[in-house]
């Protein structure tokens, strides 16, 4: 005796119930329309006011300022990274004196504005010019670029130390125990096993820190460093054209977007063994 099973043919899903046109949807559509109208208006205004002569005249200055910005950020990130390693060890130290000093350092530089720190170095230490001359250090602190580099290095070192400390402490304890079971010295185990895993964990926060430093570097224009923002201010003071700031905004946006995509590629490349 055979049984024939009749299968129901695939059916289309039922239509979604119509959404009621509420007051929230009405004002949302109005708000979106206003934003679209403003965006189109701003775009048309920029196109109508575009002056190729100004762009040709000040373009090289923008590129020069961009080079200053990238150099300043790159050096501060590298130098801050060198300082952050012993600082992170001090934060994790069982010695209360070292731990407290490192904590105070990190607390100050993460808890106060970067602009205030720059003013303390540039204007604050500048008031001790006589003492600095006696110590043969005035040649360094009289230059605004050096003061900016020192400030950025000290600031990012505090952030990088906390990133590194958190990443090291996130490595499972089993990794330490496995290295000890293999008879590896603690120094070898740290640099060959613990630190590489910690750096993978810290990769994304490091990228965020670099992006924040690039955007925060614009404040050095206040202390007469002609970085990208400094050149923008100089161009605006001579033209009074708001588009000079628009060019700078676009350059910052391009740099951040390139760095973001580079960091995504790097993260995917280094963590490909963790994906299933």
Protein backbone atom coordinates (compact mmCIF):
# COMPACT_ATOMS: atom_id res chain seq x y z
CA UNK A 1 0.00 0.00 0.00
CA UNK A 2 1.55 3.24 -1.09
CA UNK A 3 0.86 6.64 0.25
CA UNK A 4 1.21 9.71 -1.90
CA UNK A 5 2.25 12.80 -0.04
CA UNK A 6 1.03 15.99 -1.62
CA UNK A 7 3.44 18.88 -1.07
CA UNK A 8 2.10 22.36 -0.94
CA UNK A 9 3.70 24.56 -3.55
CA UNK A 10 5.81 27.45 -2.21
CA UNK A 11 3.68 30.43 -1.44
CA UNK A 12 4.60 34.07 -1.47
CA UNK A 13 4.87 35.66 1.97
CA UNK A 14 1.88 37.65 3.08
CA UNK A 15 2.11 41.34 2.37
CA UNK A 16 3.41 43.48 5.18
CA UNK A 17 0.72 45.52 6.87
CA UNK A 18 0.82 49.17 5.85
CA UNK A 19 2.56 51.44 8.31
CA UNK A 20 0.36 54.18 9.71
CA UNK A 21 1.40 57.69 8.78
CA UNK A 22 2.09 59.04 12.25
CA UNK A 23 3.21 62.48 13.34
CA UNK A 24 6.73 61.13 13.92
CA UNK A 25 6.97 59.94 10.32
CA UNK A 26 5.63 63.27 9.06
CA UNK A 27 8.18 65.36 10.97
CA UNK A 28 10.92 62.88 10.06
CA UNK A 29 10.16 63.30 6.37
CA UNK A 30 10.06 67.08 6.76
CA UNK A 31 13.39 67.04 8.61
CA UNK A 32 14.96 64.84 5.92
CA UNK A 33 13.65 67.13 3.19
CA UNK A 34 15.11 70.18 4.89
CA UNK A 35 18.51 68.50 5.20
CA UNK A 36 18.47 67.46 1.55
CA UNK A 37 17.54 70.99 0.49
CA UNK A 38 20.34 72.46 2.62
CA UNK A 39 22.85 69.94 1.24
CA UNK A 40 21.91 70.77 -2.33
CA UNK A 41 22.06 74.50 -1.59
CA UNK A 42 25.49 74.25 0.02
CA UNK A 43 26.78 72.16 -2.87
CA UNK A 44 25.50 74.66 -5.42
CA UNK A 45 27.01 77.53 -3.45
CA UNK A 46 30.37 75.81 -3.37
CA UNK A 47 30.26 75.12 -7.10
CA UNK A 48 29.30 78.71 -7.90
CA UNK A 49 31.98 80.16 -5.61
CA UNK A 50 34.78 77.83 -6.69
CA UNK A 51 37.92 79.83 -7.48
CA UNK A 52 40.61 77.72 -9.18
CA UNK A 53 43.13 80.54 -8.83
CA UNK A 54 43.00 80.38 -5.04
CA UNK A 55 43.28 76.62 -5.07
CA UNK A 56 46.32 76.82 -7.37
CA UNK A 57 47.94 79.51 -5.24
CA UNK A 58 47.44 77.92 -1.81
CA UNK A 59 47.46 74.25 -2.81
CA UNK A 60 51.24 73.81 -2.32
CA UNK A 61 50.96 75.40 1.13
CA UNK A 62 48.25 72.90 2.05
CA UNK A 63 50.48 70.02 0.96
CA UNK A 64 53.35 71.45 3.00
CA UNK A 65 51.10 71.75 6.04
CA UNK A 66 49.85 68.22 5.49
CA UNK A 67 53.44 66.99 5.57
CA UNK A 68 54.01 68.79 8.88
CA UNK A 69 50.85 67.23 10.33
CA UNK A 70 51.75 63.70 9.27
CA UNK A 71 55.35 64.06 10.47
CA UNK A 72 54.26 65.41 13.84
CA UNK A 73 51.69 62.67 14.38
CA UNK A 74 53.98 59.86 13.17
CA UNK A 75 56.88 60.90 15.40
CA UNK A 76 54.67 61.39 18.45
CA UNK A 77 53.01 57.99 17.94
CA UNK A 78 56.36 56.20 17.63
CA UNK A 79 57.99 58.02 20.56
CA UNK A 80 54.86 57.64 22.64
CA UNK A 81 54.84 53.93 21.88
CA UNK A 82 58.40 53.59 23.17
CA UNK A 83 57.43 55.35 26.41
CA UNK A 84 54.18 53.42 26.78
CA UNK A 85 55.84 50.01 27.17
CA UNK A 86 57.72 50.73 30.44
CA UNK A 87 54.76 52.85 31.54
CA UNK A 88 52.39 49.91 31.08
CA UNK A 89 54.80 47.67 33.03
CA UNK A 90 54.87 50.24 35.82
CA UNK A 91 51.04 50.31 35.87
CA UNK A 92 51.01 46.50 36.29
CA UNK A 93 53.89 46.47 38.76
CA UNK A 94 53.37 45.14 42.28
CA UNK A 95 55.61 47.93 43.52
CA UNK A 96 53.14 50.50 44.91
CA UNK A 97 55.47 53.45 44.26
CA UNK A 98 55.97 52.64 40.57
CA UNK A 99 52.32 51.78 40.12
CA UNK A 100 51.17 55.03 41.76
CA UNK A 101 53.57 57.20 39.72
CA UNK A 102 52.43 55.57 36.47
CA UNK A 103 48.79 55.89 37.51
CA UNK A 104 49.24 59.59 38.27
CA UNK A 105 50.90 60.16 34.90
CA UNK A 106 48.16 58.37 32.99
CA UNK A 107 45.43 60.01 35.05
CA UNK A 108 46.76 63.51 34.36
CA UNK A 109 47.32 63.18 30.62
CA UNK A 110 44.06 61.31 30.00
CA UNK A 111 42.01 63.53 32.30
CA UNK A 112 43.06 66.97 31.03
CA UNK A 113 42.51 68.57 27.59
CA UNK A 114 45.30 68.24 25.06
CA UNK A 115 45.12 71.99 24.39
CA UNK A 116 45.79 72.75 28.06
CA UNK A 117 48.78 70.41 28.04
CA UNK A 118 50.15 72.18 24.96
CA UNK A 119 49.78 75.56 26.65
CA UNK A 120 51.51 74.28 29.79
CA UNK A 121 54.51 73.15 27.75
CA UNK A 122 54.68 76.06 25.31
CA UNK A 123 53.70 78.98 27.54
CA UNK A 124 54.30 77.48 30.98
CA UNK A 125 57.85 76.27 30.42
CA UNK A 126 58.52 79.36 28.32
CA UNK A 127 58.24 81.45 31.48
CA UNK A 128 61.32 79.63 32.81
CA UNK A 129 63.48 80.62 29.87
CA UNK A 130 66.35 81.80 32.09
CA UNK A 131 66.54 78.47 33.91
CA UNK A 132 66.24 76.55 30.65
CA UNK A 133 69.06 78.59 29.13
CA UNK A 134 71.28 77.71 32.08
CA UNK A 135 70.48 74.03 31.48
CA UNK A 136 71.10 74.49 27.74
CA UNK A 137 67.52 73.38 26.96
CA UNK A 138 66.08 76.64 25.68
CA UNK A 139 66.95 75.76 22.09
CA UNK A 140 64.37 73.00 22.32
CA UNK A 141 61.54 74.75 24.16
CA UNK A 142 61.72 77.99 22.18
CA UNK A 143 60.56 76.13 19.07
CA UNK A 144 56.79 75.65 18.92
CA UNK A 145 57.14 72.49 16.83
CA UNK A 146 59.32 70.86 19.48
CA UNK A 147 56.85 71.79 22.20
CA UNK A 148 54.00 70.33 20.17
CA UNK A 149 55.96 67.11 19.58
CA UNK A 150 56.77 66.77 23.29
CA UNK A 151 53.15 67.40 24.29
CA UNK A 152 51.73 64.95 21.78
CA UNK A 153 54.30 62.30 22.74
CA UNK A 154 53.52 62.55 26.45
CA UNK A 155 49.78 62.55 25.77
CA UNK A 156 49.66 59.57 23.44
CA UNK A 157 52.07 57.63 25.68
CA UNK A 158 49.45 57.71 28.43
CA UNK A 159 46.72 56.44 26.10
CA UNK A 160 48.94 53.80 24.52
CA UNK A 161 50.05 52.59 27.95
CA UNK A 162 46.46 51.95 28.97
CA UNK A 163 45.71 50.26 25.65
CA UNK A 164 48.74 48.02 26.03
CA UNK A 165 48.06 47.26 29.68
CA UNK A 166 44.48 46.24 28.96
CA UNK A 167 45.59 44.11 26.00
CA UNK A 168 48.28 42.31 28.01
CA UNK A 169 45.91 41.59 30.87
CA UNK A 170 43.32 40.24 28.40
CA UNK A 171 45.64 37.40 27.31
CA UNK A 172 44.34 34.22 28.99
CA UNK A 173 46.37 33.01 31.95
CA UNK A 174 46.66 29.63 30.25
CA UNK A 175 49.12 31.17 27.81
CA UNK A 176 51.43 32.06 30.71
CA UNK A 177 51.05 28.62 32.24
CA UNK A 178 51.70 26.89 28.91
CA UNK A 179 54.91 28.89 28.39
CA UNK A 180 56.04 28.04 31.92
CA UNK A 181 55.27 24.35 31.32
CA UNK A 182 57.54 24.43 28.26
CA UNK A 183 60.33 25.86 30.39
CA UNK A 184 60.48 29.19 28.57
CA UNK A 185 61.99 32.11 30.47
CA UNK A 186 59.50 34.82 31.37
CA UNK A 187 61.19 37.35 29.10
CA UNK A 188 61.09 35.02 26.10
CA UNK A 189 57.50 34.01 26.86
CA UNK A 190 56.42 37.62 27.05
CA UNK A 191 57.98 38.80 23.78
CA UNK A 192 57.27 35.62 21.81
CA UNK A 193 53.84 34.58 23.13
CA UNK A 194 52.10 37.20 25.28
CA UNK A 195 52.99 40.44 23.50
CA UNK A 196 52.06 39.30 19.95
CA UNK A 197 48.62 38.23 21.17
CA UNK A 198 48.20 41.46 23.11
CA UNK A 199 49.11 43.56 20.08
CA UNK A 200 46.38 41.86 18.05
CA UNK A 201 43.87 42.76 20.75
CA UNK A 202 45.21 46.33 20.88
CA UNK A 203 45.26 46.79 17.11
CA UNK A 204 41.84 48.45 16.80
CA UNK A 205 42.35 50.80 19.80
CA UNK A 206 45.74 51.78 18.38
CA UNK A 207 44.08 52.71 15.09
CA UNK A 208 41.52 54.82 16.92
CA UNK A 209 44.29 56.55 18.85
CA UNK A 210 46.15 57.45 15.64
CA UNK A 211 42.98 58.86 14.08
CA UNK A 212 42.29 60.92 17.20
CA UNK A 213 45.84 62.23 17.14
CA UNK A 214 45.51 63.28 13.50
CA UNK A 215 42.34 65.22 14.22
CA UNK A 216 43.67 66.61 17.50
CA UNK A 217 46.87 67.82 15.85
CA UNK A 218 44.95 70.80 14.47
CA UNK A 219 45.40 72.61 17.78
CA UNK A 220 49.11 73.20 17.11
CA UNK A 221 48.09 75.98 14.73
CA UNK A 222 47.30 78.05 17.84
CA UNK A 223 50.98 78.07 18.84
CA UNK A 224 52.17 79.13 15.36
CA UNK A 225 52.98 75.70 13.94
CA UNK A 226 52.09 75.82 10.26
CA UNK A 227 50.58 72.39 9.92
CA UNK A 228 47.52 71.76 7.75
CA UNK A 229 45.28 73.84 9.98
CA UNK A 230 47.94 76.52 10.33
CA UNK A 231 48.21 76.88 6.56
CA UNK A 232 44.41 76.94 6.38
CA UNK A 233 44.23 79.81 8.86
CA UNK A 234 46.87 81.72 6.91
CA UNK A 235 45.00 81.17 3.63
CA UNK A 236 41.74 82.33 5.19
CA UNK A 237 43.35 85.46 6.67
CA UNK A 238 44.38 86.47 3.14
CA UNK A 239 41.25 85.49 1.23
CA UNK A 240 38.39 85.48 3.79
CA UNK A 241 36.98 82.59 1.79
CA UNK A 242 35.27 79.88 3.83
CA UNK A 243 36.25 77.31 1.21
CA UNK A 244 39.79 77.33 2.58
CA UNK A 245 38.45 75.47 5.63
CA UNK A 246 36.44 73.19 3.39
CA UNK A 247 39.61 72.12 1.58
CA UNK A 248 41.24 71.34 4.94
CA UNK A 249 38.20 69.35 6.05
CA UNK A 250 38.32 67.28 2.87
CA UNK A 251 42.04 66.58 3.34
CA UNK A 252 41.50 65.48 6.94
CA UNK A 253 38.60 63.30 5.80
CA UNK A 254 40.71 61.66 3.09
CA UNK A 255 43.56 60.95 5.53
CA UNK A 256 41.26 59.44 8.13
CA UNK A 257 39.44 57.33 5.55
CA UNK A 258 42.69 56.02 4.06
CA UNK A 259 43.99 55.17 7.51
CA UNK A 260 40.73 53.49 8.47
CA UNK A 261 40.77 51.27 5.39
CA UNK A 262 44.47 50.49 5.88
CA UNK A 263 43.82 49.50 9.48
CA UNK A 264 40.88 47.31 8.47
CA UNK A 265 43.09 45.53 5.94
CA UNK A 266 45.86 45.12 8.49
CA UNK A 267 43.46 43.79 11.11
CA UNK A 268 41.93 41.30 8.67
CA UNK A 269 45.40 40.22 7.58
CA UNK A 270 46.72 39.63 11.09
CA UNK A 271 43.58 37.96 12.42
CA UNK A 272 42.83 35.71 9.47
CA UNK A 273 43.85 32.65 11.50
CA UNK A 274 41.12 33.44 14.04
CA UNK A 275 38.30 33.40 11.50
CA UNK A 276 36.30 30.27 10.82
